[in-house]
Amino acid sequence: MTLTLNSVHSRPVAVIGAGVLGRRIASVFIAAGYTVHLYDSSEEAAKQTTVYIQDHQEEYSAYVQGRGIKRGVYRIFTDMGTAVHDAWLAIEAVPEQLHLKKKVFGELDKLTPEDCILGSNSSSYKSSLMLDEVSAKRQQQVLNIHFYIPPAMRVVELMTDGETRSDVLELMKNILESCGMMPVVAQKESTGLIFNRLWAAVKREILLMLAEGIAQPEEIDMLWKHIFATGPAPCEWMDQAGLDTIAFIEDNYIRERKLDGSMTVDWLRENYINQGCLGKKVDSKGGLKKACIHGCSQS
């Protein structure tokens, strides 16, 4: 079956992983009238997702206000096969670890219909690195679909896996626009896509300044907000994403570009992550802006 902007509404969108970004991705499609199936093995994640979707539905509905769109529905599953049955789109939003993403893509290739588009929400890994267990034919329907942190940020970056059909990229761009999002297509494969490639350099310099004791997170964020006067400041943003997620992402850049991580990601793990300080995540003891005992703000 050829997927079109109209035909996709008769089938579900599947989101694999109901964490910080998974529940936000689901909320975007629900507000735009889609049926969404979320899969997560964690009952706690499922509970938090239900609360999140209910509490934030008006913010997402504002994306499509005035279009006469009836709000969609969602279900949460603990069995992936059931969640992706008849899906036209399956987006993985699992932790930023390449081996997990490869495994999920391999399972999705086996479980989803032949015409299903497979998307990765990865902010740093190229989707071409996740294809070890994906059939050659399916690779033409695989791409990066990277959401930032909606509802505050409406931007979505799309990127080919090197084999993605042009009609798949065009369809996803049109669908996301119809959801009230602002999609941008990377013209070539790029680790970190577009913005996160720039953001990676900013993060590294911030972590170096913190590790060297040059400034406190609050001071860096104050300067950033005063000078740029927009959006969350960088330390606040890292806390929102989760410091463990930041570390996984930086590991990828370090390996690919042969960087020294001793004063950035290694320092972050020693002073925060290993102390249970993961940012704004469940059971976290703190973050860059709410320091742990060994965090830089306590030094």
C-alpha atoms as a PDB file:
ATOM      1  CA  MET A   1       0.000   0.000   0.000  1.00  0.00           C
ATOM      2  CA  THR A   2       1.278   3.487  -0.898  1.00  0.00           C
ATOM      3  CA  LEU A   3       1.196   5.757   2.130  1.00  0.00           C
ATOM      4  CA  THR A   4      -0.354   9.206   1.694  1.00  0.00           C
ATOM      5  CA  LEU A   5      -1.151  12.150   3.936  1.00  0.00           C
ATOM      6  CA  ASN A   6      -4.784  10.984   4.067  1.00  0.00           C
ATOM      7  CA  SER A   7      -4.367   7.193   4.221  1.00  0.00           C
ATOM      8  CA  VAL A   8      -2.096   7.148   7.272  1.00  0.00           C
ATOM      9  CA  HIS A   9      -4.920   8.293   9.572  1.00  0.00           C
ATOM     10  CA  SER A  10      -6.539   4.853   9.325  1.00  0.00           C
ATOM     11  CA  ARG A  11      -3.521   3.167  10.955  1.00  0.00           C
ATOM     12  CA  PRO A  12      -1.628   3.729  14.212  1.00  0.00           C
ATOM     13  CA  VAL A  13       1.632   5.481  14.906  1.00  0.00           C
ATOM     14  CA  ALA A  14       3.815   3.321  17.177  1.00  0.00           C
ATOM     15  CA  VAL A  15       6.248   4.929  19.620  1.00  0.00           C
ATOM     16  CA  ILE A  16       8.824   2.582  21.141  1.00  0.00           C
ATOM     17  CA  GLY A  17       9.817   3.898  24.551  1.00  0.00           C
ATOM     18  CA  ALA A  18       7.539   6.011  26.762  1.00  0.00           C
ATOM     19  CA  GLY A  19      10.231   8.083  28.429  1.00  0.00           C
ATOM     20  CA  VAL A  20      10.843  11.836  28.408  1.00  0.00           C
ATOM     21  CA  LEU A  21      10.733  12.158  24.616  1.00  0.00           C
ATOM     22  CA  GLY A  22       8.566   9.161  23.742  1.00  0.00           C
ATOM     23  CA  ARG A  23       5.553  10.567  25.582  1.00  0.00           C
ATOM     24  CA  ARG A  24       6.105  13.959  23.938  1.00  0.00           C
ATOM     25  CA  ILE A  25       6.284  12.437  20.444  1.00  0.00           C
ATOM     26  CA  ALA A  26       3.064  10.570  21.183  1.00  0.00           C
ATOM     27  CA  SER A  27       1.393  13.792  22.354  1.00  0.00           C
ATOM     28  CA  VAL A  28       2.216  15.536  19.057  1.00  0.00           C
ATOM     29  CA  PHE A  29       0.450  12.855  17.004  1.00  0.00           C
ATOM     30  CA  ILE A  30      -2.487  12.484  19.421  1.00  0.00           C
ATOM     31  CA  ALA A  31      -3.185  16.220  19.211  1.00  0.00           C
ATOM     32  CA  ALA A  32      -3.165  15.949  15.401  1.00  0.00           C
ATOM     33  CA  GLY A  33      -5.864  13.256  15.430  1.00  0.00           C
ATOM     34  CA  TYR A  34      -3.784  10.105  15.107  1.00  0.00           C
ATOM     35  CA  THR A  35      -4.180   6.807  16.936  1.00  0.00           C
ATOM     36  CA  VAL A  36      -0.951   6.252  18.874  1.00  0.00           C
ATOM     37  CA  HIS A  37       0.364   3.009  20.344  1.00  0.00           C
ATOM     38  CA  LEU A  38       3.141   3.381  22.907  1.00  0.00           C
ATOM     39  CA  TYR A  39       5.321   0.464  23.922  1.00  0.00           C
ATOM     40  CA  ASP A  40       7.343   0.332  27.130  1.00  0.00           C
ATOM     41  CA  SER A  41       8.240  -2.570  29.400  1.00  0.00           C
ATOM     42  CA  SER A  42       8.179  -0.314  32.474  1.00  0.00           C
ATOM     43  CA  GLU A  43       4.857   0.024  34.304  1.00  0.00           C
ATOM     44  CA  GLU A  44       6.147   3.174  35.996  1.00  0.00           C
ATOM     45  CA  ALA A  45       6.918   4.765  32.624  1.00  0.00           C
ATOM     46  CA  ALA A  46       3.405   3.878  31.482  1.00  0.00           C
ATOM     47  CA  LYS A  47       1.866   5.580  34.543  1.00  0.00           C
ATOM     48  CA  GLN A  48       3.948   8.716  34.068  1.00  0.00           C
ATOM     49  CA  THR A  49       3.057   8.807  30.370  1.00  0.00           C
ATOM     50  CA  THR A  50      -0.665   8.706  31.109  1.00  0.00           C
ATOM     51  CA  VAL A  51      -0.328  11.581  33.571  1.00  0.00           C
ATOM     52  CA  TYR A  52       1.854  13.569  31.165  1.00  0.00           C
ATOM     53  CA  ILE A  53      -0.501  13.219  28.190  1.00  0.00           C
ATOM     54  CA  GLN A  54      -3.526  14.205  30.285  1.00  0.00           C
ATOM     55  CA  ASP A  55      -1.793  17.170  31.917  1.00  0.00           C
ATOM     56  CA  HIS A  56      -0.338  18.628  28.705  1.00  0.00           C
ATOM     57  CA  GLN A  57      -2.993  17.948  26.078  1.00  0.00           C
ATOM     58  CA  GLU A  58      -3.994  21.619  25.734  1.00  0.00           C
ATOM     59  CA  GLU A  59      -0.411  22.683  24.996  1.00  0.00           C
ATOM     60  CA  TYR A  60      -0.131  20.202  22.130  1.00  0.00           C
ATOM     61  CA  SER A  61      -3.625  20.905  20.832  1.00  0.00           C
ATOM     62  CA  ALA A  62      -2.558  24.536  20.398  1.00  0.00           C
ATOM     63  CA  TYR A  63      -0.286  23.344  17.551  1.00  0.00           C
ATOM     64  CA  VAL A  64      -3.336  22.520  15.418  1.00  0.00           C
ATOM     65  CA  GLN A  65      -5.817  25.027  16.826  1.00  0.00           C
ATOM     66  CA  GLY A  66      -8.437  26.231  14.364  1.00  0.00           C
ATOM     67  CA  ARG A  67      -8.035  23.294  11.977  1.00  0.00           C
ATOM     68  CA  GLY A  68     -11.089  21.381  13.161  1.00  0.00           C
ATOM     69  CA  ILE A  69      -9.016  18.337  14.097  1.00  0.00           C
ATOM     70  CA  LYS A  70     -10.571  15.854  16.507  1.00  0.00           C
ATOM     71  CA  ARG A  71      -8.106  14.732  19.134  1.00  0.00           C
ATOM     72  CA  GLY A  72      -6.726  11.230  18.594  1.00  0.00           C
ATOM     73  CA  VAL A  73      -6.539   8.332  21.044  1.00  0.00           C
ATOM     74  CA  TYR A  74      -3.706   6.324  22.535  1.00  0.00           C
ATOM     75  CA  ARG A  75      -2.976   3.013  24.189  1.00  0.00           C
ATOM     76  CA  ILE A  76       0.067   1.790  26.083  1.00  0.00           C
ATOM     77  CA  PHE A  77       1.349  -1.742  25.496  1.00  0.00           C
ATOM     78  CA  THR A  78       3.909  -3.989  27.170  1.00  0.00           C
ATOM     79  CA  ASP A  79       4.132  -6.265  24.110  1.00  0.00           C
ATOM     80  CA  MET A  80       5.930  -4.731  21.135  1.00  0.00           C
ATOM     81  CA  GLY A  81       4.322  -6.970  18.535  1.00  0.00           C
ATOM     82  CA  THR A  82       0.839  -5.896  19.566  1.00  0.00           C
ATOM     83  CA  ALA A  83       1.864  -2.240  19.758  1.00  0.00           C
ATOM     84  CA  VAL A  84       3.213  -2.101  16.196  1.00  0.00           C
ATOM     85  CA  HIS A  85       0.526  -4.243  14.537  1.00  0.00           C
ATOM     86  CA  ASP A  86      -0.633  -2.463  11.348  1.00  0.00           C
ATOM     87  CA  ALA A  87       1.454   0.645  12.164  1.00  0.00           C
ATOM     88  CA  TRP A  88       2.329   2.951   9.265  1.00  0.00           C
ATOM     89  CA  LEU A  89       5.100   4.584  11.327  1.00  0.00           C
ATOM     90  CA  ALA A  90       7.214   3.214  14.178  1.00  0.00           C
ATOM     91  CA  ILE A  91       9.545   5.627  15.971  1.00  0.00           C
ATOM     92  CA  GLU A  92      12.123   4.361  18.437  1.00  0.00           C
ATOM     93  CA  ALA A  93      12.727   6.616  21.438  1.00  0.00           C
ATOM     94  CA  VAL A  94      14.839   4.252  23.542  1.00  0.00           C
ATOM     95  CA  PRO A  95      17.968   5.357  25.466  1.00  0.00           C
ATOM     96  CA  GLU A  96      20.803   6.785  23.359  1.00  0.00           C
ATOM     97  CA  GLN A  97      22.787   3.537  23.164  1.00  0.00           C
ATOM     98  CA  LEU A  98      23.542   2.178  19.710  1.00  0.00           C
ATOM     99  CA  HIS A  99      23.235  -1.520  20.587  1.00  0.00           C
ATOM    100  CA  LEU A 100      19.697  -0.927  21.920  1.00  0.00           C
ATOM    101  CA  LYS A 101      18.657   0.951  18.809  1.00  0.00           C
ATOM    102  CA  LYS A 102      20.049  -1.779  16.530  1.00  0.00           C
ATOM    103  CA  LYS A 103      18.115  -4.399  18.467  1.00  0.00           C
ATOM    104  CA  VAL A 104      14.868  -2.414  18.353  1.00  0.00           C
ATOM    105  CA  PHE A 105      15.172  -1.757  14.615  1.00  0.00           C
ATOM    106  CA  GLY A 106      15.794  -5.453  13.994  1.00  0.00           C
ATOM    107  CA  GLU A 107      12.640  -6.343  15.927  1.00  0.00           C
ATOM    108  CA  LEU A 108      10.608  -3.651  14.180  1.00  0.00           C
ATOM    109  CA  ASP A 109      11.706  -4.899  10.766  1.00  0.00           C
ATOM    110  CA  LYS A 110      10.269  -8.315  11.621  1.00  0.00           C
ATOM    111  CA  LEU A 111       7.101  -7.139  13.406  1.00  0.00           C
ATOM    112  CA  THR A 112       5.796  -4.224  11.330  1.00  0.00           C
ATOM    113  CA  PRO A 113       3.963  -4.261   7.969  1.00  0.00           C
ATOM    114  CA  GLU A 114       6.185  -4.090   4.876  1.00  0.00           C
ATOM    115  CA  ASP A 115       5.216  -0.493   4.110  1.00  0.00           C
ATOM    116  CA  CYS A 116       5.824   0.789   7.655  1.00  0.00           C
ATOM    117  CA  ILE A 117       8.304   3.651   7.965  1.00  0.00           C
ATOM    118  CA  LEU A 118      10.913   3.179  10.700  1.00  0.00           C
ATOM    119  CA  GLY A 119      12.169   6.318  12.414  1.00  0.00           C
ATOM    120  CA  SER A 120      14.842   6.920  15.021  1.00  0.00           C
ATOM    121  CA  ASN A 121      14.581   9.814  17.432  1.00  0.00           C
ATOM    122  CA  SER A 122      18.337   9.630  17.996  1.00  0.00           C
ATOM    123  CA  SER A 123      19.931  13.025  18.395  1.00  0.00           C
ATOM    124  CA  SER A 124      23.455  11.887  17.586  1.00  0.00           C
ATOM    125  CA  TYR A 125      23.544   8.478  15.859  1.00  0.00           C
ATOM    126  CA  LYS A 126      22.970   8.223  12.129  1.00  0.00           C
ATOM    127  CA  SER A 127      20.151   5.787  11.394  1.00  0.00           C
ATOM    128  CA  SER A 128      22.494   4.065   8.920  1.00  0.00           C
ATOM    129  CA  LEU A 129      24.397   2.730  11.957  1.00  0.00           C
ATOM    130  CA  MET A 130      21.276   0.911  13.209  1.00  0.00           C
ATOM    131  CA  LEU A 131      20.625  -1.291  10.181  1.00  0.00           C
ATOM    132  CA  ASP A 132      22.581  -4.469  10.994  1.00  0.00           C
ATOM    133  CA  GLU A 133      19.373  -6.492  11.350  1.00  0.00           C
ATOM    134  CA  VAL A 134      17.188  -4.522   8.909  1.00  0.00           C
ATOM    135  CA  SER A 135      16.414  -5.889   5.432  1.00  0.00           C
ATOM    136  CA  ALA A 136      17.767  -4.077   2.366  1.00  0.00           C
ATOM    137  CA  LYS A 137      14.275  -3.232   1.125  1.00  0.00           C
ATOM    138  CA  ARG A 138      13.223  -1.742   4.463  1.00  0.00           C
ATOM    139  CA  GLN A 139      16.327   0.458   4.584  1.00  0.00           C
ATOM    140  CA  GLN A 140      14.653   2.643   1.956  1.00  0.00           C
ATOM    141  CA  GLN A 141      11.973   3.441   4.572  1.00  0.00           C
ATOM    142  CA  VAL A 142      14.313   4.254   7.487  1.00  0.00           C
ATOM    143  CA  LEU A 143      15.289   7.743   8.612  1.00  0.00           C
ATOM    144  CA  ASN A 144      16.157   9.901  11.603  1.00  0.00           C
ATOM    145  CA  ILE A 145      13.106  11.764  12.946  1.00  0.00           C
ATOM    146  CA  HIS A 146      14.564  13.807  15.765  1.00  0.00           C
ATOM    147  CA  PHE A 147      12.142  15.748  17.947  1.00  0.00           C
ATOM    148  CA  TYR A 148      13.608  18.235  20.388  1.00  0.00           C
ATOM    149  CA  ILE A 149      11.556  18.849  23.533  1.00  0.00           C
ATOM    150  CA  PRO A 150       7.965  19.626  22.549  1.00  0.00           C
ATOM    151  CA  PRO A 151       5.711  21.382  23.348  1.00  0.00           C
ATOM    152  CA  ALA A 152       8.226  24.188  23.961  1.00  0.00           C
ATOM    153  CA  MET A 153      10.185  23.321  20.802  1.00  0.00           C
ATOM    154  CA  ARG A 154       8.353  22.515  17.589  1.00  0.00           C
ATOM    155  CA  VAL A 155      11.408  21.776  15.440  1.00  0.00           C
ATOM    156  CA  VAL A 156      11.937  18.249  14.067  1.00  0.00           C
ATOM    157  CA  GLU A 157      15.006  17.248  12.063  1.00  0.00           C
ATOM    158  CA  LEU A 158      14.736  14.576   9.366  1.00  0.00           C
ATOM    159  CA  MET A 159      17.757  12.792   7.911  1.00  0.00           C
ATOM    160  CA  THR A 160      18.272   9.990   5.409  1.00  0.00           C
ATOM    161  CA  ASP A 161      20.026   6.730   6.280  1.00  0.00           C
ATOM    162  CA  GLY A 162      21.738   7.004   2.899  1.00  0.00           C
ATOM    163  CA  GLU A 163      19.103   4.835   1.203  1.00  0.00           C
ATOM    164  CA  THR A 164      15.869   6.566   2.245  1.00  0.00           C
ATOM    165  CA  ARG A 165      13.459   7.135  -0.636  1.00  0.00           C
ATOM    166  CA  SER A 166      12.772  10.787  -1.415  1.00  0.00           C
ATOM    167  CA  ASP A 167       9.006  10.209  -1.224  1.00  0.00           C
ATOM    168  CA  VAL A 168       9.381   8.921   2.362  1.00  0.00           C
ATOM    169  CA  LEU A 169      11.242  12.068   3.410  1.00  0.00           C
ATOM    170  CA  GLU A 170       8.682  14.267   1.643  1.00  0.00           C
ATOM    171  CA  LEU A 171       5.737  12.422   3.224  1.00  0.00           C
ATOM    172  CA  MET A 172       7.184  12.720   6.728  1.00  0.00           C
ATOM    173  CA  LYS A 173       7.892  16.418   6.203  1.00  0.00           C
ATOM    174  CA  ASN A 174       4.298  17.032   5.089  1.00  0.00           C
ATOM    175  CA  ILE A 175       2.811  14.971   7.925  1.00  0.00           C
ATOM    176  CA  LEU A 176       4.854  16.753  10.571  1.00  0.00           C
ATOM    177  CA  GLU A 177       3.848  20.126   9.147  1.00  0.00           C
ATOM    178  CA  SER A 178       0.203  19.025   9.374  1.00  0.00           C
ATOM    179  CA  CYS A 179       0.857  18.235  13.059  1.00  0.00           C
ATOM    180  CA  GLY A 180       1.941  21.836  13.629  1.00  0.00           C
ATOM    181  CA  MET A 181       5.634  20.967  13.760  1.00  0.00           C
ATOM    182  CA  MET A 182       8.519  22.684  11.941  1.00  0.00           C
ATOM    183  CA  PRO A 183      10.447  19.952  10.087  1.00  0.00           C
ATOM    184  CA  VAL A 184      13.898  20.544   8.592  1.00  0.00           C
ATOM    185  CA  VAL A 185      15.607  18.021   6.298  1.00  0.00           C
ATOM    186  CA  ALA A 186      19.380  17.491   6.608  1.00  0.00           C
ATOM    187  CA  GLN A 187      20.747  17.317   3.069  1.00  0.00           C
ATOM    188  CA  LYS A 188      23.398  14.715   3.972  1.00  0.00           C
ATOM    189  CA  GLU A 189      24.095  12.258   6.791  1.00  0.00           C
ATOM    190  CA  SER A 190      25.624  14.074   9.748  1.00  0.00           C
ATOM    191  CA  THR A 191      26.378  12.853  13.261  1.00  0.00           C
ATOM    192  CA  GLY A 192      24.217  15.058  15.460  1.00  0.00           C
ATOM    193  CA  LEU A 193      22.104  16.079  12.460  1.00  0.00           C
ATOM    194  CA  ILE A 194      22.113  19.895  12.225  1.00  0.00           C
ATOM    195  CA  PHE A 195      21.503  21.710  15.503  1.00  0.00           C
ATOM    196  CA  ASN A 196      22.937  19.041  17.804  1.00  0.00           C
ATOM    197  CA  ARG A 197      26.213  19.136  15.904  1.00  0.00           C
ATOM    198  CA  LEU A 198      26.476  22.782  16.948  1.00  0.00           C
ATOM    199  CA  TRP A 199      25.074  22.046  20.430  1.00  0.00           C
ATOM    200  CA  ALA A 200      27.744  19.367  20.991  1.00  0.00           C
ATOM    201  CA  ALA A 201      30.482  21.988  20.815  1.00  0.00           C
ATOM    202  CA  VAL A 202      28.605  24.220  23.276  1.00  0.00           C
ATOM    203  CA  LYS A 203      28.128  21.349  25.756  1.00  0.00           C
ATOM    204  CA  ARG A 204      31.790  20.356  25.640  1.00  0.00           C
ATOM    205  CA  GLU A 205      32.956  23.889  26.396  1.00  0.00           C
ATOM    206  CA  ILE A 206      30.457  24.222  29.264  1.00  0.00           C
ATOM    207  CA  LEU A 207      31.541  20.940  30.844  1.00  0.00           C
ATOM    208  CA  LEU A 208      35.186  22.002  30.499  1.00  0.00           C
ATOM    209  CA  MET A 209      34.462  25.308  32.252  1.00  0.00           C
ATOM    210  CA  LEU A 210      32.608  23.518  35.050  1.00  0.00           C
ATOM    211  CA  ALA A 211      35.357  20.909  35.467  1.00  0.00           C
ATOM    212  CA  GLU A 212      38.034  23.634  35.534  1.00  0.00           C
ATOM    213  CA  GLY A 213      36.079  25.617  38.131  1.00  0.00           C
ATOM    214  CA  ILE A 214      35.783  28.695  35.908  1.00  0.00           C
ATOM    215  CA  ALA A 215      32.068  29.292  36.468  1.00  0.00           C
ATOM    216  CA  GLN A 216      28.948  27.890  38.122  1.00  0.00           C
ATOM    217  CA  PRO A 217      25.998  26.485  36.120  1.00  0.00           C
ATOM    218  CA  GLU A 218      23.753  29.342  37.278  1.00  0.00           C
ATOM    219  CA  GLU A 219      26.244  31.939  36.017  1.00  0.00           C
ATOM    220  CA  ILE A 220      26.628  30.265  32.627  1.00  0.00           C
ATOM    221  CA  ASP A 221      22.864  30.061  32.214  1.00  0.00           C
ATOM    222  CA  MET A 222      22.392  33.687  33.298  1.00  0.00           C
ATOM    223  CA  LEU A 223      24.894  34.858  30.668  1.00  0.00           C
ATOM    224  CA  TRP A 224      23.300  32.695  27.999  1.00  0.00           C
ATOM    225  CA  LYS A 225      19.765  33.892  28.748  1.00  0.00           C
ATOM    226  CA  HIS A 226      20.810  37.544  28.965  1.00  0.00           C
ATOM    227  CA  ILE A 227      22.775  37.499  25.714  1.00  0.00           C
ATOM    228  CA  PHE A 228      20.551  35.245  23.601  1.00  0.00           C
ATOM    229  CA  ALA A 229      17.264  35.977  25.440  1.00  0.00           C
ATOM    230  CA  THR A 230      15.513  32.826  24.269  1.00  0.00           C
ATOM    231  CA  GLY A 231      14.598  29.288  25.327  1.00  0.00           C
ATOM    232  CA  PRO A 232      16.078  27.208  28.159  1.00  0.00           C
ATOM    233  CA  ALA A 233      19.693  27.976  29.007  1.00  0.00           C
ATOM    234  CA  PRO A 234      22.306  25.253  28.339  1.00  0.00           C
ATOM    235  CA  CYS A 235      22.741  23.790  31.838  1.00  0.00           C
ATOM    236  CA  GLU A 236      18.980  23.789  32.322  1.00  0.00           C
ATOM    237  CA  TRP A 237      18.610  22.102  28.934  1.00  0.00           C
ATOM    238  CA  MET A 238      21.090  19.361  29.827  1.00  0.00           C
ATOM    239  CA  ASP A 239      19.181  18.719  33.065  1.00  0.00           C
ATOM    240  CA  GLN A 240      15.920  18.457  31.107  1.00  0.00           C
ATOM    241  CA  ALA A 241      17.400  15.939  28.671  1.00  0.00           C
ATOM    242  CA  GLY A 242      18.915  13.863  31.496  1.00  0.00           C
ATOM    243  CA  LEU A 243      22.630  13.859  32.296  1.00  0.00           C
ATOM    244  CA  ASP A 244      22.925  10.138  31.559  1.00  0.00           C
ATOM    245  CA  THR A 245      21.475  10.781  28.109  1.00  0.00           C
ATOM    246  CA  ILE A 246      23.933  13.645  27.612  1.00  0.00           C
ATOM    247  CA  ALA A 247      26.786  11.277  28.499  1.00  0.00           C
ATOM    248  CA  PHE A 248      25.649   8.602  26.030  1.00  0.00           C
ATOM    249  CA  ILE A 249      25.429  11.218  23.279  1.00  0.00           C
ATOM    250  CA  GLU A 250      28.861  12.648  24.063  1.00  0.00           C
ATOM    251  CA  ASP A 251      30.382   9.145  24.044  1.00  0.00           C
ATOM    252  CA  ASN A 252      29.351   8.852  20.405  1.00  0.00           C
ATOM    253  CA  TYR A 253      31.004  12.148  19.435  1.00  0.00           C
ATOM    254  CA  ILE A 254      34.132  11.249  21.387  1.00  0.00           C
ATOM    255  CA  ARG A 255      34.507   7.910  19.593  1.00  0.00           C
ATOM    256  CA  GLU A 256      33.824   9.282  16.126  1.00  0.00           C
ATOM    257  CA  ARG A 257      35.987  12.389  16.415  1.00  0.00           C
ATOM    258  CA  LYS A 258      38.673  10.889  18.663  1.00  0.00           C
ATOM    259  CA  LEU A 259      38.151  13.544  21.337  1.00  0.00           C
ATOM    260  CA  ASP A 260      39.439  13.516  24.919  1.00  0.00           C
ATOM    261  CA  GLY A 261      36.498  12.941  27.253  1.00  0.00           C
ATOM    262  CA  SER A 262      38.402  13.024  30.543  1.00  0.00           C
ATOM    263  CA  MET A 263      37.438  16.608  31.356  1.00  0.00           C
ATOM    264  CA  THR A 264      33.923  16.457  29.926  1.00  0.00           C
ATOM    265  CA  VAL A 265      31.895  13.256  29.931  1.00  0.00           C
ATOM    266  CA  ASP A 266      34.175  11.382  32.377  1.00  0.00           C
ATOM    267  CA  TRP A 267      33.995  14.353  34.753  1.00  0.00           C
ATOM    268  CA  LEU A 268      30.204  14.461  34.344  1.00  0.00           C
ATOM    269  CA  ARG A 269      29.897  10.780  35.242  1.00  0.00           C
ATOM    270  CA  GLU A 270      32.206  11.006  38.263  1.00  0.00           C
ATOM    271  CA  ASN A 271      30.661  14.129  39.772  1.00  0.00           C
ATOM    272  CA  TYR A 272      27.004  13.700  38.849  1.00  0.00           C
ATOM    273  CA  ILE A 273      25.803  10.523  37.178  1.00  0.00           C
ATOM    274  CA  ASN A 274      27.622   8.080  39.460  1.00  0.00           C
ATOM    275  CA  GLN A 275      26.238  10.039  42.430  1.00  0.00           C
ATOM    276  CA  GLY A 276      22.670   9.497  41.224  1.00  0.00           C
ATOM    277  CA  CYS A 277      22.323  13.029  39.838  1.00  0.00           C
ATOM    278  CA  LEU A 278      20.654  12.603  36.444  1.00  0.00           C
ATOM    279  CA  GLY A 279      18.917  15.955  36.009  1.00  0.00           C
ATOM    280  CA  LYS A 280      15.128  16.199  35.851  1.00  0.00           C
ATOM    281  CA  LYS A 281      14.432  12.463  35.840  1.00  0.00           C
ATOM    282  CA  VAL A 282      12.530  10.159  38.162  1.00  0.00           C
ATOM    283  CA  ASP A 283      14.517   9.247  41.307  1.00  0.00           C
ATOM    284  CA  SER A 284      17.296  11.687  40.379  1.00  0.00           C
ATOM    285  CA  LYS A 285      19.083  13.289  43.328  1.00  0.00           C
ATOM    286  CA  GLY A 286      19.786  16.485  41.421  1.00  0.00           C
ATOM    287  CA  GLY A 287      21.458  17.888  38.349  1.00  0.00           C
ATOM    288  CA  LEU A 288      23.714  20.673  37.150  1.00  0.00           C
ATOM    289  CA  LYS A 289      21.285  23.315  38.431  1.00  0.00           C
ATOM    290  CA  LYS A 290      20.397  21.424  41.619  1.00  0.00           C
ATOM    291  CA  ALA A 291      23.768  20.104  42.606  1.00  0.00           C
ATOM    292  CA  CYS A 292      24.641  16.826  44.276  1.00  0.00           C
ATOM    293  CA  ILE A 293      27.082  16.586  47.155  1.00  0.00           C
ATOM    294  CA  HIS A 294      30.008  16.162  44.775  1.00  0.00           C
ATOM    295  CA  GLY A 295      28.610  18.457  42.075  1.00  0.00           C
ATOM    296  CA  CYS A 296      30.436  21.531  40.857  1.00  0.00           C
ATOM    297  CA  SER A 297      28.114  23.976  42.616  1.00  0.00           C
ATOM    298  CA  GLN A 298      29.218  22.549  45.951  1.00  0.00           C
ATOM    299  CA  SER A 299      32.938  22.964  45.273  1.00  0.00           C
END
